[in-house]
C-alpha atoms as a PDB file:
ATOM      1  CA  UNK A   1      73.740  79.576 -35.466  1.00  0.00           C
ATOM      2  CA  UNK A   2      71.459  82.449 -36.517  1.00  0.00           C
ATOM      3  CA  UNK A   3      69.260  83.974 -33.846  1.00  0.00           C
ATOM      4  CA  UNK A   4      65.516  83.478 -33.967  1.00  0.00           C
ATOM      5  CA  UNK A   5      63.602  86.508 -35.276  1.00  0.00           C
ATOM      6  CA  UNK A   6      60.019  87.635 -34.905  1.00  0.00           C
ATOM      7  CA  UNK A   7      59.520  86.603 -38.553  1.00  0.00           C
ATOM      8  CA  UNK A   8      60.499  83.039 -37.616  1.00  0.00           C
ATOM      9  CA  UNK A   9      57.942  83.076 -34.803  1.00  0.00           C
ATOM     10  CA  UNK A  10      55.258  84.395 -37.167  1.00  0.00           C
ATOM     11  CA  UNK A  11      55.929  81.645 -39.739  1.00  0.00           C
ATOM     12  CA  UNK A  12      55.949  78.887 -37.115  1.00  0.00           C
ATOM     13  CA  UNK A  13      52.790  80.180 -35.459  1.00  0.00           C
ATOM     14  CA  UNK A  14      50.974  80.815 -38.750  1.00  0.00           C
ATOM     15  CA  UNK A  15      50.217  84.466 -37.920  1.00  0.00           C
ATOM     16  CA  UNK A  16      51.425  87.818 -39.168  1.00  0.00           C
ATOM     17  CA  UNK A  17      54.527  89.593 -37.859  1.00  0.00           C
ATOM     18  CA  UNK A  18      52.222  92.371 -36.725  1.00  0.00           C
ATOM     19  CA  UNK A  19      50.329  89.936 -34.510  1.00  0.00           C
ATOM     20  CA  UNK A  20      53.603  88.631 -33.083  1.00  0.00           C
ATOM     21  CA  UNK A  21      54.693  92.186 -32.367  1.00  0.00           C
ATOM     22  CA  UNK A  22      51.400  92.992 -30.659  1.00  0.00           C
ATOM     23  CA  UNK A  23      51.603  89.897 -28.460  1.00  0.00           C
ATOM     24  CA  UNK A  24      55.278  89.965 -27.497  1.00  0.00           C
ATOM     25  CA  UNK A  25      55.240  93.697 -26.794  1.00  0.00           C
ATOM     26  CA  UNK A  26      51.883  93.671 -24.977  1.00  0.00           C
ATOM     27  CA  UNK A  27      50.677  96.466 -27.244  1.00  0.00           C
ATOM     28  CA  UNK A  28      47.737  98.259 -25.569  1.00  0.00           C
ATOM     29  CA  UNK A  29      44.431  98.051 -27.439  1.00  0.00           C
ATOM     30  CA  UNK A  30      45.554  95.323 -29.846  1.00  0.00           C
ATOM     31  CA  UNK A  31      42.657  93.085 -30.881  1.00  0.00           C
ATOM     32  CA  UNK A  32      44.213  89.630 -30.432  1.00  0.00           C
ATOM     33  CA  UNK A  33      42.346  86.750 -28.827  1.00  0.00           C
ATOM     34  CA  UNK A  34      43.748  85.142 -25.685  1.00  0.00           C
ATOM     35  CA  UNK A  35      44.087  81.809 -27.506  1.00  0.00           C
ATOM     36  CA  UNK A  36      46.230  83.443 -30.227  1.00  0.00           C
ATOM     37  CA  UNK A  37      48.319  85.246 -27.610  1.00  0.00           C
ATOM     38  CA  UNK A  38      49.035  81.979 -25.810  1.00  0.00           C
ATOM     39  CA  UNK A  39      49.863  80.246 -29.109  1.00  0.00           C
ATOM     40  CA  UNK A  40      52.344  82.983 -30.078  1.00  0.00           C
ATOM     41  CA  UNK A  41      53.994  82.970 -26.666  1.00  0.00           C
ATOM     42  CA  UNK A  42      54.316  79.179 -26.651  1.00  0.00           C
ATOM     43  CA  UNK A  43      55.786  79.221 -30.162  1.00  0.00           C
ATOM     44  CA  UNK A  44      58.277  81.941 -29.249  1.00  0.00           C
ATOM     45  CA  UNK A  45      59.374  80.011 -26.173  1.00  0.00           C
ATOM     46  CA  UNK A  46      59.742  76.777 -28.142  1.00  0.00           C
ATOM     47  CA  UNK A  47      61.912  78.464 -30.746  1.00  0.00           C
ATOM     48  CA  UNK A  48      64.004  80.251 -28.117  1.00  0.00           C
ATOM     49  CA  UNK A  49      63.090  83.716 -29.341  1.00  0.00           C
ATOM     50  CA  UNK A  50      64.685  86.536 -27.320  1.00  0.00           C
ATOM     51  CA  UNK A  51      63.514  90.076 -28.142  1.00  0.00           C
ATOM     52  CA  UNK A  52      66.212  92.666 -28.696  1.00  0.00           C
ATOM     53  CA  UNK A  53      66.623  95.125 -25.835  1.00  0.00           C
ATOM     54  CA  UNK A  54      67.817  97.765 -28.282  1.00  0.00           C
ATOM     55  CA  UNK A  55      64.761  97.300 -30.491  1.00  0.00           C
ATOM     56  CA  UNK A  56      62.501  97.488 -27.449  1.00  0.00           C
ATOM     57  CA  UNK A  57      64.117 100.750 -26.457  1.00  0.00           C
ATOM     58  CA  UNK A  58      63.577 102.217 -29.934  1.00  0.00           C
ATOM     59  CA  UNK A  59      59.918 101.200 -29.980  1.00  0.00           C
ATOM     60  CA  UNK A  60      59.120 102.478 -26.511  1.00  0.00           C
ATOM     61  CA  UNK A  61      61.354 105.500 -26.560  1.00  0.00           C
ATOM     62  CA  UNK A  62      62.807 104.430 -23.215  1.00  0.00           C
ATOM     63  CA  UNK A  63      64.895 101.637 -21.735  1.00  0.00           C
ATOM     64  CA  UNK A  64      63.847  99.030 -19.186  1.00  0.00           C
ATOM     65  CA  UNK A  65      67.367  98.839 -17.734  1.00  0.00           C
ATOM     66  CA  UNK A  66      68.532 100.314 -14.444  1.00  0.00           C
ATOM     67  CA  UNK A  67      72.294 100.219 -14.014  1.00  0.00           C
ATOM     68  CA  UNK A  68      73.576  99.926 -10.456  1.00  0.00           C
ATOM     69  CA  UNK A  69      77.209 101.009 -10.281  1.00  0.00           C
ATOM     70  CA  UNK A  70      79.262  99.417  -7.531  1.00  0.00           C
ATOM     71  CA  UNK A  71      82.529 101.136  -6.674  1.00  0.00           C
ATOM     72  CA  UNK A  72      85.685  99.053  -6.526  1.00  0.00           C
ATOM     73  CA  UNK A  73      84.631  97.378  -3.284  1.00  0.00           C
ATOM     74  CA  UNK A  74      84.499  93.682  -2.446  1.00  0.00           C
ATOM     75  CA  UNK A  75      80.861  92.680  -2.090  1.00  0.00           C
ATOM     76  CA  UNK A  76      79.554  91.400   1.219  1.00  0.00           C
ATOM     77  CA  UNK A  77      76.278  90.681   2.997  1.00  0.00           C
ATOM     78  CA  UNK A  78      75.224  94.338   3.143  1.00  0.00           C
ATOM     79  CA  UNK A  79      75.698  95.019  -0.580  1.00  0.00           C
ATOM     80  CA  UNK A  80      74.269  91.603  -1.535  1.00  0.00           C
ATOM     81  CA  UNK A  81      71.086  92.206   0.451  1.00  0.00           C
ATOM     82  CA  UNK A  82      70.707  95.683  -0.991  1.00  0.00           C
ATOM     83  CA  UNK A  83      71.039  94.464  -4.587  1.00  0.00           C
ATOM     84  CA  UNK A  84      68.626  91.563  -4.014  1.00  0.00           C
ATOM     85  CA  UNK A  85      65.933  93.882  -2.708  1.00  0.00           C
ATOM     86  CA  UNK A  86      66.487  96.488  -5.417  1.00  0.00           C
ATOM     87  CA  UNK A  87      66.223  93.820  -8.126  1.00  0.00           C
ATOM     88  CA  UNK A  88      63.007  92.350  -6.683  1.00  0.00           C
ATOM     89  CA  UNK A  89      61.225  95.692  -6.342  1.00  0.00           C
ATOM     90  CA  UNK A  90      62.179  96.994  -9.784  1.00  0.00           C
ATOM     91  CA  UNK A  91      61.224  93.674 -11.421  1.00  0.00           C
ATOM     92  CA  UNK A  92      57.653  94.311 -10.299  1.00  0.00           C
ATOM     93  CA  UNK A  93      57.718  97.406 -12.542  1.00  0.00           C
ATOM     94  CA  UNK A  94      59.154  95.495 -15.513  1.00  0.00           C
ATOM     95  CA  UNK A  95      62.635  96.900 -14.980  1.00  0.00           C
ATOM     96  CA  UNK A  96      65.863  94.953 -15.118  1.00  0.00           C
ATOM     97  CA  UNK A  97      68.891  95.703 -12.925  1.00  0.00           C
ATOM     98  CA  UNK A  98      72.327  95.543 -14.502  1.00  0.00           C
ATOM     99  CA  UNK A  99      75.097  95.566 -11.883  1.00  0.00           C
ATOM    100  CA  UNK A 100      78.347  97.144 -13.012  1.00  0.00           C
ATOM    101  CA  UNK A 101      81.445  96.780 -10.856  1.00  0.00           C
ATOM    102  CA  UNK A 102      83.309  99.960 -11.740  1.00  0.00           C
ATOM    103  CA  UNK A 103      87.057  99.513 -11.345  1.00  0.00           C
ATOM    104  CA  UNK A 104      88.144 102.695 -13.099  1.00  0.00           C
ATOM    105  CA  UNK A 105      89.728 100.999 -16.114  1.00  0.00           C
ATOM    106  CA  UNK A 106      87.221 102.610 -18.493  1.00  0.00           C
ATOM    107  CA  UNK A 107      85.175 105.767 -18.299  1.00  0.00           C
ATOM    108  CA  UNK A 108      81.699 105.323 -16.846  1.00  0.00           C
ATOM    109  CA  UNK A 109      80.317 107.082 -19.937  1.00  0.00           C
ATOM    110  CA  UNK A 110      81.332 104.047 -22.027  1.00  0.00           C
ATOM    111  CA  UNK A 111      78.853 101.965 -20.057  1.00  0.00           C
ATOM    112  CA  UNK A 112      75.766 104.147 -20.147  1.00  0.00           C
ATOM    113  CA  UNK A 113      76.287 105.032 -23.800  1.00  0.00           C
ATOM    114  CA  UNK A 114      76.474 101.327 -24.668  1.00  0.00           C
ATOM    115  CA  UNK A 115      73.379 100.125 -22.799  1.00  0.00           C
ATOM    116  CA  UNK A 116      71.260 103.332 -22.696  1.00  0.00           C
ATOM    117  CA  UNK A 117      69.768 102.727 -19.240  1.00  0.00           C
ATOM    118  CA  UNK A 118      66.699 104.465 -17.959  1.00  0.00           C
ATOM    119  CA  UNK A 119      68.416 105.236 -14.667  1.00  0.00           C
ATOM    120  CA  UNK A 120      71.823 104.844 -13.045  1.00  0.00           C
ATOM    121  CA  UNK A 121      72.085 104.118  -9.338  1.00  0.00           C
ATOM    122  CA  UNK A 122      75.304 104.917  -7.510  1.00  0.00           C
ATOM    123  CA  UNK A 123      76.402 103.420  -4.207  1.00  0.00           C
ATOM    124  CA  UNK A 124      79.131 106.069  -3.953  1.00  0.00           C
ATOM    125  CA  UNK A 125      79.320 109.622  -5.326  1.00  0.00           C
ATOM    126  CA  UNK A 126      79.835 110.090  -9.077  1.00  0.00           C
ATOM    127  CA  UNK A 127      82.025 112.911 -10.381  1.00  0.00           C
ATOM    128  CA  UNK A 128      79.866 115.968 -11.072  1.00  0.00           C
ATOM    129  CA  UNK A 129      80.771 115.866 -14.791  1.00  0.00           C
ATOM    130  CA  UNK A 130      79.391 112.309 -15.103  1.00  0.00           C
ATOM    131  CA  UNK A 131      76.151 113.292 -13.394  1.00  0.00           C
ATOM    132  CA  UNK A 132      75.644 116.262 -15.715  1.00  0.00           C
ATOM    133  CA  UNK A 133      76.391 114.177 -18.823  1.00  0.00           C
ATOM    134  CA  UNK A 134      73.951 111.434 -17.837  1.00  0.00           C
ATOM    135  CA  UNK A 135      71.167 113.883 -17.082  1.00  0.00           C
ATOM    136  CA  UNK A 136      71.772 115.712 -20.350  1.00  0.00           C
ATOM    137  CA  UNK A 137      71.312 112.332 -22.062  1.00  0.00           C
ATOM    138  CA  UNK A 138      67.949 111.883 -20.310  1.00  0.00           C
ATOM    139  CA  UNK A 139      69.243 109.311 -17.806  1.00  0.00           C
ATOM    140  CA  UNK A 140      68.053 109.656 -14.230  1.00  0.00           C
ATOM    141  CA  UNK A 141      70.773 109.535 -11.553  1.00  0.00           C
ATOM    142  CA  UNK A 142      69.793 108.115  -8.176  1.00  0.00           C
ATOM    143  CA  UNK A 143      71.362 107.575  -4.790  1.00  0.00           C
ATOM    144  CA  UNK A 144      74.421 109.773  -4.977  1.00  0.00           C
ATOM    145  CA  UNK A 145      75.506 113.345  -4.475  1.00  0.00           C
ATOM    146  CA  UNK A 146      76.436 115.422  -7.496  1.00  0.00           C
ATOM    147  CA  UNK A 147      79.887 116.165  -6.149  1.00  0.00           C
ATOM    148  CA  UNK A 148      82.733 114.258  -4.600  1.00  0.00           C
ATOM    149  CA  UNK A 149      81.859 115.728  -1.204  1.00  0.00           C
ATOM    150  CA  UNK A 150      80.756 112.711   0.794  1.00  0.00           C
ATOM    151  CA  UNK A 151      81.232 113.833   4.365  1.00  0.00           C
ATOM    152  CA  UNK A 152      77.896 112.233   5.254  1.00  0.00           C
ATOM    153  CA  UNK A 153      79.240 108.887   4.047  1.00  0.00           C
ATOM    154  CA  UNK A 154      82.375 109.248   6.197  1.00  0.00           C
ATOM    155  CA  UNK A 155      80.249 110.248   9.169  1.00  0.00           C
ATOM    156  CA  UNK A 156      78.119 107.110   8.851  1.00  0.00           C
ATOM    157  CA  UNK A 157      81.261 104.965   8.933  1.00  0.00           C
ATOM    158  CA  UNK A 158      82.578 106.917  11.907  1.00  0.00           C
ATOM    159  CA  UNK A 159      79.315 106.348  13.794  1.00  0.00           C
ATOM    160  CA  UNK A 160      79.534 102.560  13.376  1.00  0.00           C
ATOM    161  CA  UNK A 161      82.801 102.628  15.311  1.00  0.00           C
ATOM    162  CA  UNK A 162      81.284 104.878  17.991  1.00  0.00           C
ATOM    163  CA  UNK A 163      78.695 102.169  18.659  1.00  0.00           C
ATOM    164  CA  UNK A 164      81.426  99.541  18.929  1.00  0.00           C
ATOM    165  CA  UNK A 165      83.496 101.452  21.473  1.00  0.00           C
ATOM    166  CA  UNK A 166      80.518 102.618  23.527  1.00  0.00           C
ATOM    167  CA  UNK A 167      79.343  99.017  23.822  1.00  0.00           C
ATOM    168  CA  UNK A 168      82.787  97.886  24.966  1.00  0.00           C
ATOM    169  CA  UNK A 169      82.933 100.700  27.520  1.00  0.00           C
ATOM    170  CA  UNK A 170      79.583  99.582  28.971  1.00  0.00           C
ATOM    171  CA  UNK A 171      81.172  96.152  29.420  1.00  0.00           C
ATOM    172  CA  UNK A 172      83.904  97.742  31.560  1.00  0.00           C
ATOM    173  CA  UNK A 173      86.741  97.829  29.030  1.00  0.00           C
ATOM    174  CA  UNK A 174      89.265 100.655  29.265  1.00  0.00           C
ATOM    175  CA  UNK A 175      91.825  99.611  26.655  1.00  0.00           C
ATOM    176  CA  UNK A 176      90.566  99.077  23.103  1.00  0.00           C
ATOM    177  CA  UNK A 177      92.420  98.175  19.895  1.00  0.00           C
ATOM    178  CA  UNK A 178      91.213  98.520  16.305  1.00  0.00           C
ATOM    179  CA  UNK A 179      91.674  95.616  13.866  1.00  0.00           C
ATOM    180  CA  UNK A 180      91.509  97.194  10.424  1.00  0.00           C
ATOM    181  CA  UNK A 181      91.252  95.599   6.974  1.00  0.00           C
ATOM    182  CA  UNK A 182      94.213  94.843   4.731  1.00  0.00           C
ATOM    183  CA  UNK A 183      92.142  95.359   1.568  1.00  0.00           C
ATOM    184  CA  UNK A 184      93.360  98.573  -0.098  1.00  0.00           C
ATOM    185  CA  UNK A 185      89.970  98.994  -1.792  1.00  0.00           C
ATOM    186  CA  UNK A 186      88.447  99.560   1.657  1.00  0.00           C
ATOM    187  CA  UNK A 187      91.089 101.951   2.910  1.00  0.00           C
ATOM    188  CA  UNK A 188      88.695 104.873   3.097  1.00  0.00           C
ATOM    189  CA  UNK A 189      86.149 102.861   5.088  1.00  0.00           C
ATOM    190  CA  UNK A 190      88.878 101.670   7.427  1.00  0.00           C
ATOM    191  CA  UNK A 191      90.214 105.185   7.969  1.00  0.00           C
ATOM    192  CA  UNK A 192      86.744 106.541   8.799  1.00  0.00           C
ATOM    193  CA  UNK A 193      86.006 103.709  11.215  1.00  0.00           C
ATOM    194  CA  UNK A 194      89.402 104.044  12.937  1.00  0.00           C
ATOM    195  CA  UNK A 195      88.691 107.758  13.356  1.00  0.00           C
ATOM    196  CA  UNK A 196      85.461 106.787  15.104  1.00  0.00           C
ATOM    197  CA  UNK A 197      87.296 104.421  17.457  1.00  0.00           C
ATOM    198  CA  UNK A 198      90.012 106.996  18.154  1.00  0.00           C
ATOM    199  CA  UNK A 199      87.586 109.867  18.746  1.00  0.00           C
ATOM    200  CA  UNK A 200      85.342 107.827  21.020  1.00  0.00           C
ATOM    201  CA  UNK A 201      88.261 106.535  23.064  1.00  0.00           C
ATOM    202  CA  UNK A 202      89.403 110.132  23.556  1.00  0.00           C
ATOM    203  CA  UNK A 203      85.905 111.283  24.492  1.00  0.00           C
ATOM    204  CA  UNK A 204      85.542 108.465  27.053  1.00  0.00           C
ATOM    205  CA  UNK A 205      88.963 109.069  28.606  1.00  0.00           C
ATOM    206  CA  UNK A 206      90.512 105.895  27.189  1.00  0.00           C
ATOM    207  CA  UNK A 207      94.088 105.683  25.894  1.00  0.00           C
ATOM    208  CA  UNK A 208      94.708 106.017  22.154  1.00  0.00           C
ATOM    209  CA  UNK A 209      93.778 102.765  20.415  1.00  0.00           C
ATOM    210  CA  UNK A 210      96.491 100.770  18.636  1.00  0.00           C
ATOM    211  CA  UNK A 211      95.558  99.991  15.031  1.00  0.00           C
ATOM    212  CA  UNK A 212      96.732  96.754  13.384  1.00  0.00           C
ATOM    213  CA  UNK A 213      95.890  95.492   9.854  1.00  0.00           C
ATOM    214  CA  UNK A 214      94.417  91.997  10.063  1.00  0.00           C
ATOM    215  CA  UNK A 215      93.982  89.582   7.177  1.00  0.00           C
ATOM    216  CA  UNK A 216      90.537  88.070   7.026  1.00  0.00           C
ATOM    217  CA  UNK A 217      91.763  84.702   5.717  1.00  0.00           C
ATOM    218  CA  UNK A 218      94.058  83.620   8.576  1.00  0.00           C
ATOM    219  CA  UNK A 219      94.074  83.714  12.396  1.00  0.00           C
ATOM    220  CA  UNK A 220      95.312  87.036  13.780  1.00  0.00           C
ATOM    221  CA  UNK A 221      97.467  85.249  16.362  1.00  0.00           C
ATOM    222  CA  UNK A 222     100.424  87.635  16.469  1.00  0.00           C
ATOM    223  CA  UNK A 223      98.188  90.698  16.656  1.00  0.00           C
ATOM    224  CA  UNK A 224      96.216  89.157  19.527  1.00  0.00           C
ATOM    225  CA  UNK A 225      99.401  88.302  21.447  1.00  0.00           C
ATOM    226  CA  UNK A 226     100.704  91.838  20.943  1.00  0.00           C
ATOM    227  CA  UNK A 227      97.460  93.385  22.174  1.00  0.00           C
ATOM    228  CA  UNK A 228      97.354  91.107  25.199  1.00  0.00           C
ATOM    229  CA  UNK A 229     100.930  92.054  26.098  1.00  0.00           C
ATOM    230  CA  UNK A 230      99.937  95.744  25.898  1.00  0.00           C
ATOM    231  CA  UNK A 231      97.022  95.257  28.262  1.00  0.00           C
ATOM    232  CA  UNK A 232      94.340  95.563  25.590  1.00  0.00           C
ATOM    233  CA  UNK A 233      91.140  93.844  26.716  1.00  0.00           C
ATOM    234  CA  UNK A 234      88.822  94.542  23.771  1.00  0.00           C
ATOM    235  CA  UNK A 235      89.012  94.780  19.985  1.00  0.00           C
ATOM    236  CA  UNK A 236      86.759  96.738  17.639  1.00  0.00           C
ATOM    237  CA  UNK A 237      87.135  95.026  14.263  1.00  0.00           C
ATOM    238  CA  UNK A 238      86.636  96.672  10.878  1.00  0.00           C
ATOM    239  CA  UNK A 239      83.965  94.119   9.982  1.00  0.00           C
ATOM    240  CA  UNK A 240      82.788  90.632  10.891  1.00  0.00           C
ATOM    241  CA  UNK A 241      85.315  88.906   8.617  1.00  0.00           C
ATOM    242  CA  UNK A 242      88.190  90.636  10.397  1.00  0.00           C
ATOM    243  CA  UNK A 243      86.546  89.949  13.765  1.00  0.00           C
ATOM    244  CA  UNK A 244      86.358  86.225  12.972  1.00  0.00           C
ATOM    245  CA  UNK A 245      90.100  86.258  12.232  1.00  0.00           C
ATOM    246  CA  UNK A 246      90.644  87.896  15.645  1.00  0.00           C
ATOM    247  CA  UNK A 247      88.533  85.183  17.320  1.00  0.00           C
ATOM    248  CA  UNK A 248      90.616  82.515  15.602  1.00  0.00           C
ATOM    249  CA  UNK A 249      93.795  84.291  16.694  1.00  0.00           C
ATOM    250  CA  UNK A 250      92.577  84.386  20.298  1.00  0.00           C
ATOM    251  CA  UNK A 251      91.959  80.639  20.246  1.00  0.00           C
ATOM    252  CA  UNK A 252      95.413  80.019  18.776  1.00  0.00           C
ATOM    253  CA  UNK A 253      96.985  82.266  21.428  1.00  0.00           C
ATOM    254  CA  UNK A 254      95.225  80.399  24.216  1.00  0.00           C
ATOM    255  CA  UNK A 255      93.025  83.334  25.225  1.00  0.00           C
ATOM    256  CA  UNK A 256      89.398  83.057  26.278  1.00  0.00           C
ATOM    257  CA  UNK A 257      86.828  85.322  24.598  1.00  0.00           C
ATOM    258  CA  UNK A 258      85.409  87.449  26.166  1.00  0.00           C
ATOM    259  CA  UNK A 259      87.179  86.898  29.520  1.00  0.00           C
ATOM    260  CA  UNK A 260      90.661  87.718  28.193  1.00  0.00           C
ATOM    261  CA  UNK A 261      89.667  89.618  25.057  1.00  0.00           C
ATOM    262  CA  UNK A 262      86.282  90.934  23.929  1.00  0.00           C
ATOM    263  CA  UNK A 263      85.622  91.287  20.199  1.00  0.00           C
ATOM    264  CA  UNK A 264      82.966  93.244  18.274  1.00  0.00           C
ATOM    265  CA  UNK A 265      82.512  93.394  14.492  1.00  0.00           C
ATOM    266  CA  UNK A 266      80.345  95.218  11.943  1.00  0.00           C
ATOM    267  CA  UNK A 267      77.745  93.934   9.436  1.00  0.00           C
ATOM    268  CA  UNK A 268      75.957  91.103  11.299  1.00  0.00           C
ATOM    269  CA  UNK A 269      77.014  88.602   8.643  1.00  0.00           C
ATOM    270  CA  UNK A 270      75.448  85.107   8.854  1.00  0.00           C
ATOM    271  CA  UNK A 271      78.776  83.669  10.037  1.00  0.00           C
ATOM    272  CA  UNK A 272      78.688  85.965  13.085  1.00  0.00           C
ATOM    273  CA  UNK A 273      75.779  84.002  14.529  1.00  0.00           C
ATOM    274  CA  UNK A 274      77.559  80.635  14.338  1.00  0.00           C
ATOM    275  CA  UNK A 275      81.048  81.763  15.372  1.00  0.00           C
ATOM    276  CA  UNK A 276      82.631  80.308  18.497  1.00  0.00           C
ATOM    277  CA  UNK A 277      81.760  82.250  20.552  1.00  0.00           C
ATOM    278  CA  UNK A 278      78.915  83.962  18.704  1.00  0.00           C
ATOM    279  CA  UNK A 279      80.079  87.380  17.560  1.00  0.00           C
ATOM    280  CA  UNK A 280      78.747  90.662  18.908  1.00  0.00           C
ATOM    281  CA  UNK A 281      78.431  93.013  15.956  1.00  0.00           C
ATOM    282  CA  UNK A 282      76.937  96.258  14.685  1.00  0.00           C
ATOM    283  CA  UNK A 283      74.035  95.622  12.312  1.00  0.00           C
ATOM    284  CA  UNK A 284      73.542  98.218   9.618  1.00  0.00           C
ATOM    285  CA  UNK A 285      69.944  99.045   8.573  1.00  0.00           C
ATOM    286  CA  UNK A 286      70.182  97.205   5.252  1.00  0.00           C
ATOM    287  CA  UNK A 287      66.455  96.686   4.660  1.00  0.00           C
ATOM    288  CA  UNK A 288      65.456 100.353   5.136  1.00  0.00           C
ATOM    289  CA  UNK A 289      68.398 101.440   2.979  1.00  0.00           C
ATOM    290  CA  UNK A 290      67.450  98.977   0.230  1.00  0.00           C
ATOM    291  CA  UNK A 291      63.795 100.015   0.349  1.00  0.00           C
ATOM    292  CA  UNK A 292      64.810 103.677   0.206  1.00  0.00           C
ATOM    293  CA  UNK A 293      67.003 103.092  -2.843  1.00  0.00           C
ATOM    294  CA  UNK A 294      64.275 101.190  -4.703  1.00  0.00           C
ATOM    295  CA  UNK A 295      61.665 103.806  -3.770  1.00  0.00           C
ATOM    296  CA  UNK A 296      63.990 106.571  -4.935  1.00  0.00           C
ATOM    297  CA  UNK A 297      64.461 104.916  -8.349  1.00  0.00           C
ATOM    298  CA  UNK A 298      60.710 104.540  -8.862  1.00  0.00           C
ATOM    299  CA  UNK A 299      60.062 108.099  -7.654  1.00  0.00           C
ATOM    300  CA  UNK A 300      62.441 109.750 -10.122  1.00  0.00           C
ATOM    301  CA  UNK A 301      61.200 107.549 -12.980  1.00  0.00           C
ATOM    302  CA  UNK A 302      57.674 108.726 -12.180  1.00  0.00           C
ATOM    303  CA  UNK A 303      58.803 112.354 -12.165  1.00  0.00           C
ATOM    304  CA  UNK A 304      58.795 112.821  -8.397  1.00  0.00           C
ATOM    305  CA  UNK A 305      61.436 113.876  -5.896  1.00  0.00           C
ATOM    306  CA  UNK A 306      63.366 111.099  -4.189  1.00  0.00           C
ATOM    307  CA  UNK A 307      62.349 110.698  -0.528  1.00  0.00           C
ATOM    308  CA  UNK A 308      64.739 111.730   2.256  1.00  0.00           C
ATOM    309  CA  UNK A 309      67.196 109.194   3.606  1.00  0.00           C
ATOM    310  CA  UNK A 310      65.540 107.038   6.302  1.00  0.00           C
ATOM    311  CA  UNK A 311      66.414 107.792   9.910  1.00  0.00           C
ATOM    312  CA  UNK A 312      67.035 104.201  10.966  1.00  0.00           C
ATOM    313  CA  UNK A 313      70.361 103.999  12.799  1.00  0.00           C
ATOM    314  CA  UNK A 314      72.642 101.029  13.136  1.00  0.00           C
ATOM    315  CA  UNK A 315      72.409  98.971  16.325  1.00  0.00           C
ATOM    316  CA  UNK A 316      74.595  96.672  18.391  1.00  0.00           C
ATOM    317  CA  UNK A 317      73.619  92.997  18.302  1.00  0.00           C
ATOM    318  CA  UNK A 318      74.977  91.607  21.566  1.00  0.00           C
ATOM    319  CA  UNK A 319      76.275  88.035  21.552  1.00  0.00           C
ATOM    320  CA  UNK A 320      78.793  85.994  23.531  1.00  0.00           C
ATOM    321  CA  UNK A 321      82.024  87.574  22.222  1.00  0.00           C
ATOM    322  CA  UNK A 322      81.614  90.619  24.490  1.00  0.00           C
END
């Protein structure tokens, strides 16, 4: 079935194609009555007319697309909340967010050359060559460093684990284990968070923490039994999903949380609040981060410098599991 064109809308509405163009593109200064505008819009909607994004870009000399590139990570509550907020804020400026889950099978240049976005937002550093190429093409690049040096990113992950261990120490625990993720895509996150657990244990005079990969889709019963046999009394989990598997493993092993084993996660996912017992976790500052990202996009599109990263640290949300 052939797509509906602006000429079809003009014929059905009984007006010229120029009038249709003025109305559907909100052309400034066009002398078209409000009644005619409403008639054209109603006719276009009835016919199912969808304006071409490519044609819009040619007319305006700029795109209304912002591409948000997700690395090869599984999405979760933090990323979901960030994308929701970014989409809502940019929609108020007439911009559309296209989320691209980059898995490395094709060059990133294939994407931005195909959709000609106005800006590209990165949730992890782009290679310097990609950044230069996008900027040479007139595409703004937001939210990422220009090099692969992301020590600040690793430090933020490290600091989440510091909060976990410090909280457990304040609860009197002297032997802590780390339940890491089995997802290879998150290996770098897991390594940075384990480093935080290890370093904090050393700084607080605790023994070196055992690290065990834990699947998020089954009870971590054997891991819990092993920790209990070693005298471990608390577990810092990679995230809330892993922590919930540890809670299930403790129940299966006949242990009482937190009396026999305390557990703390990361992310403050909705499930953490309804776990049995409710899960203590480290909440990341998702709202300030999302607002900063949206503000940064609008700033660079308006020709301004992006604002500095907000100083809003993560915090421990204390619940029954510790």
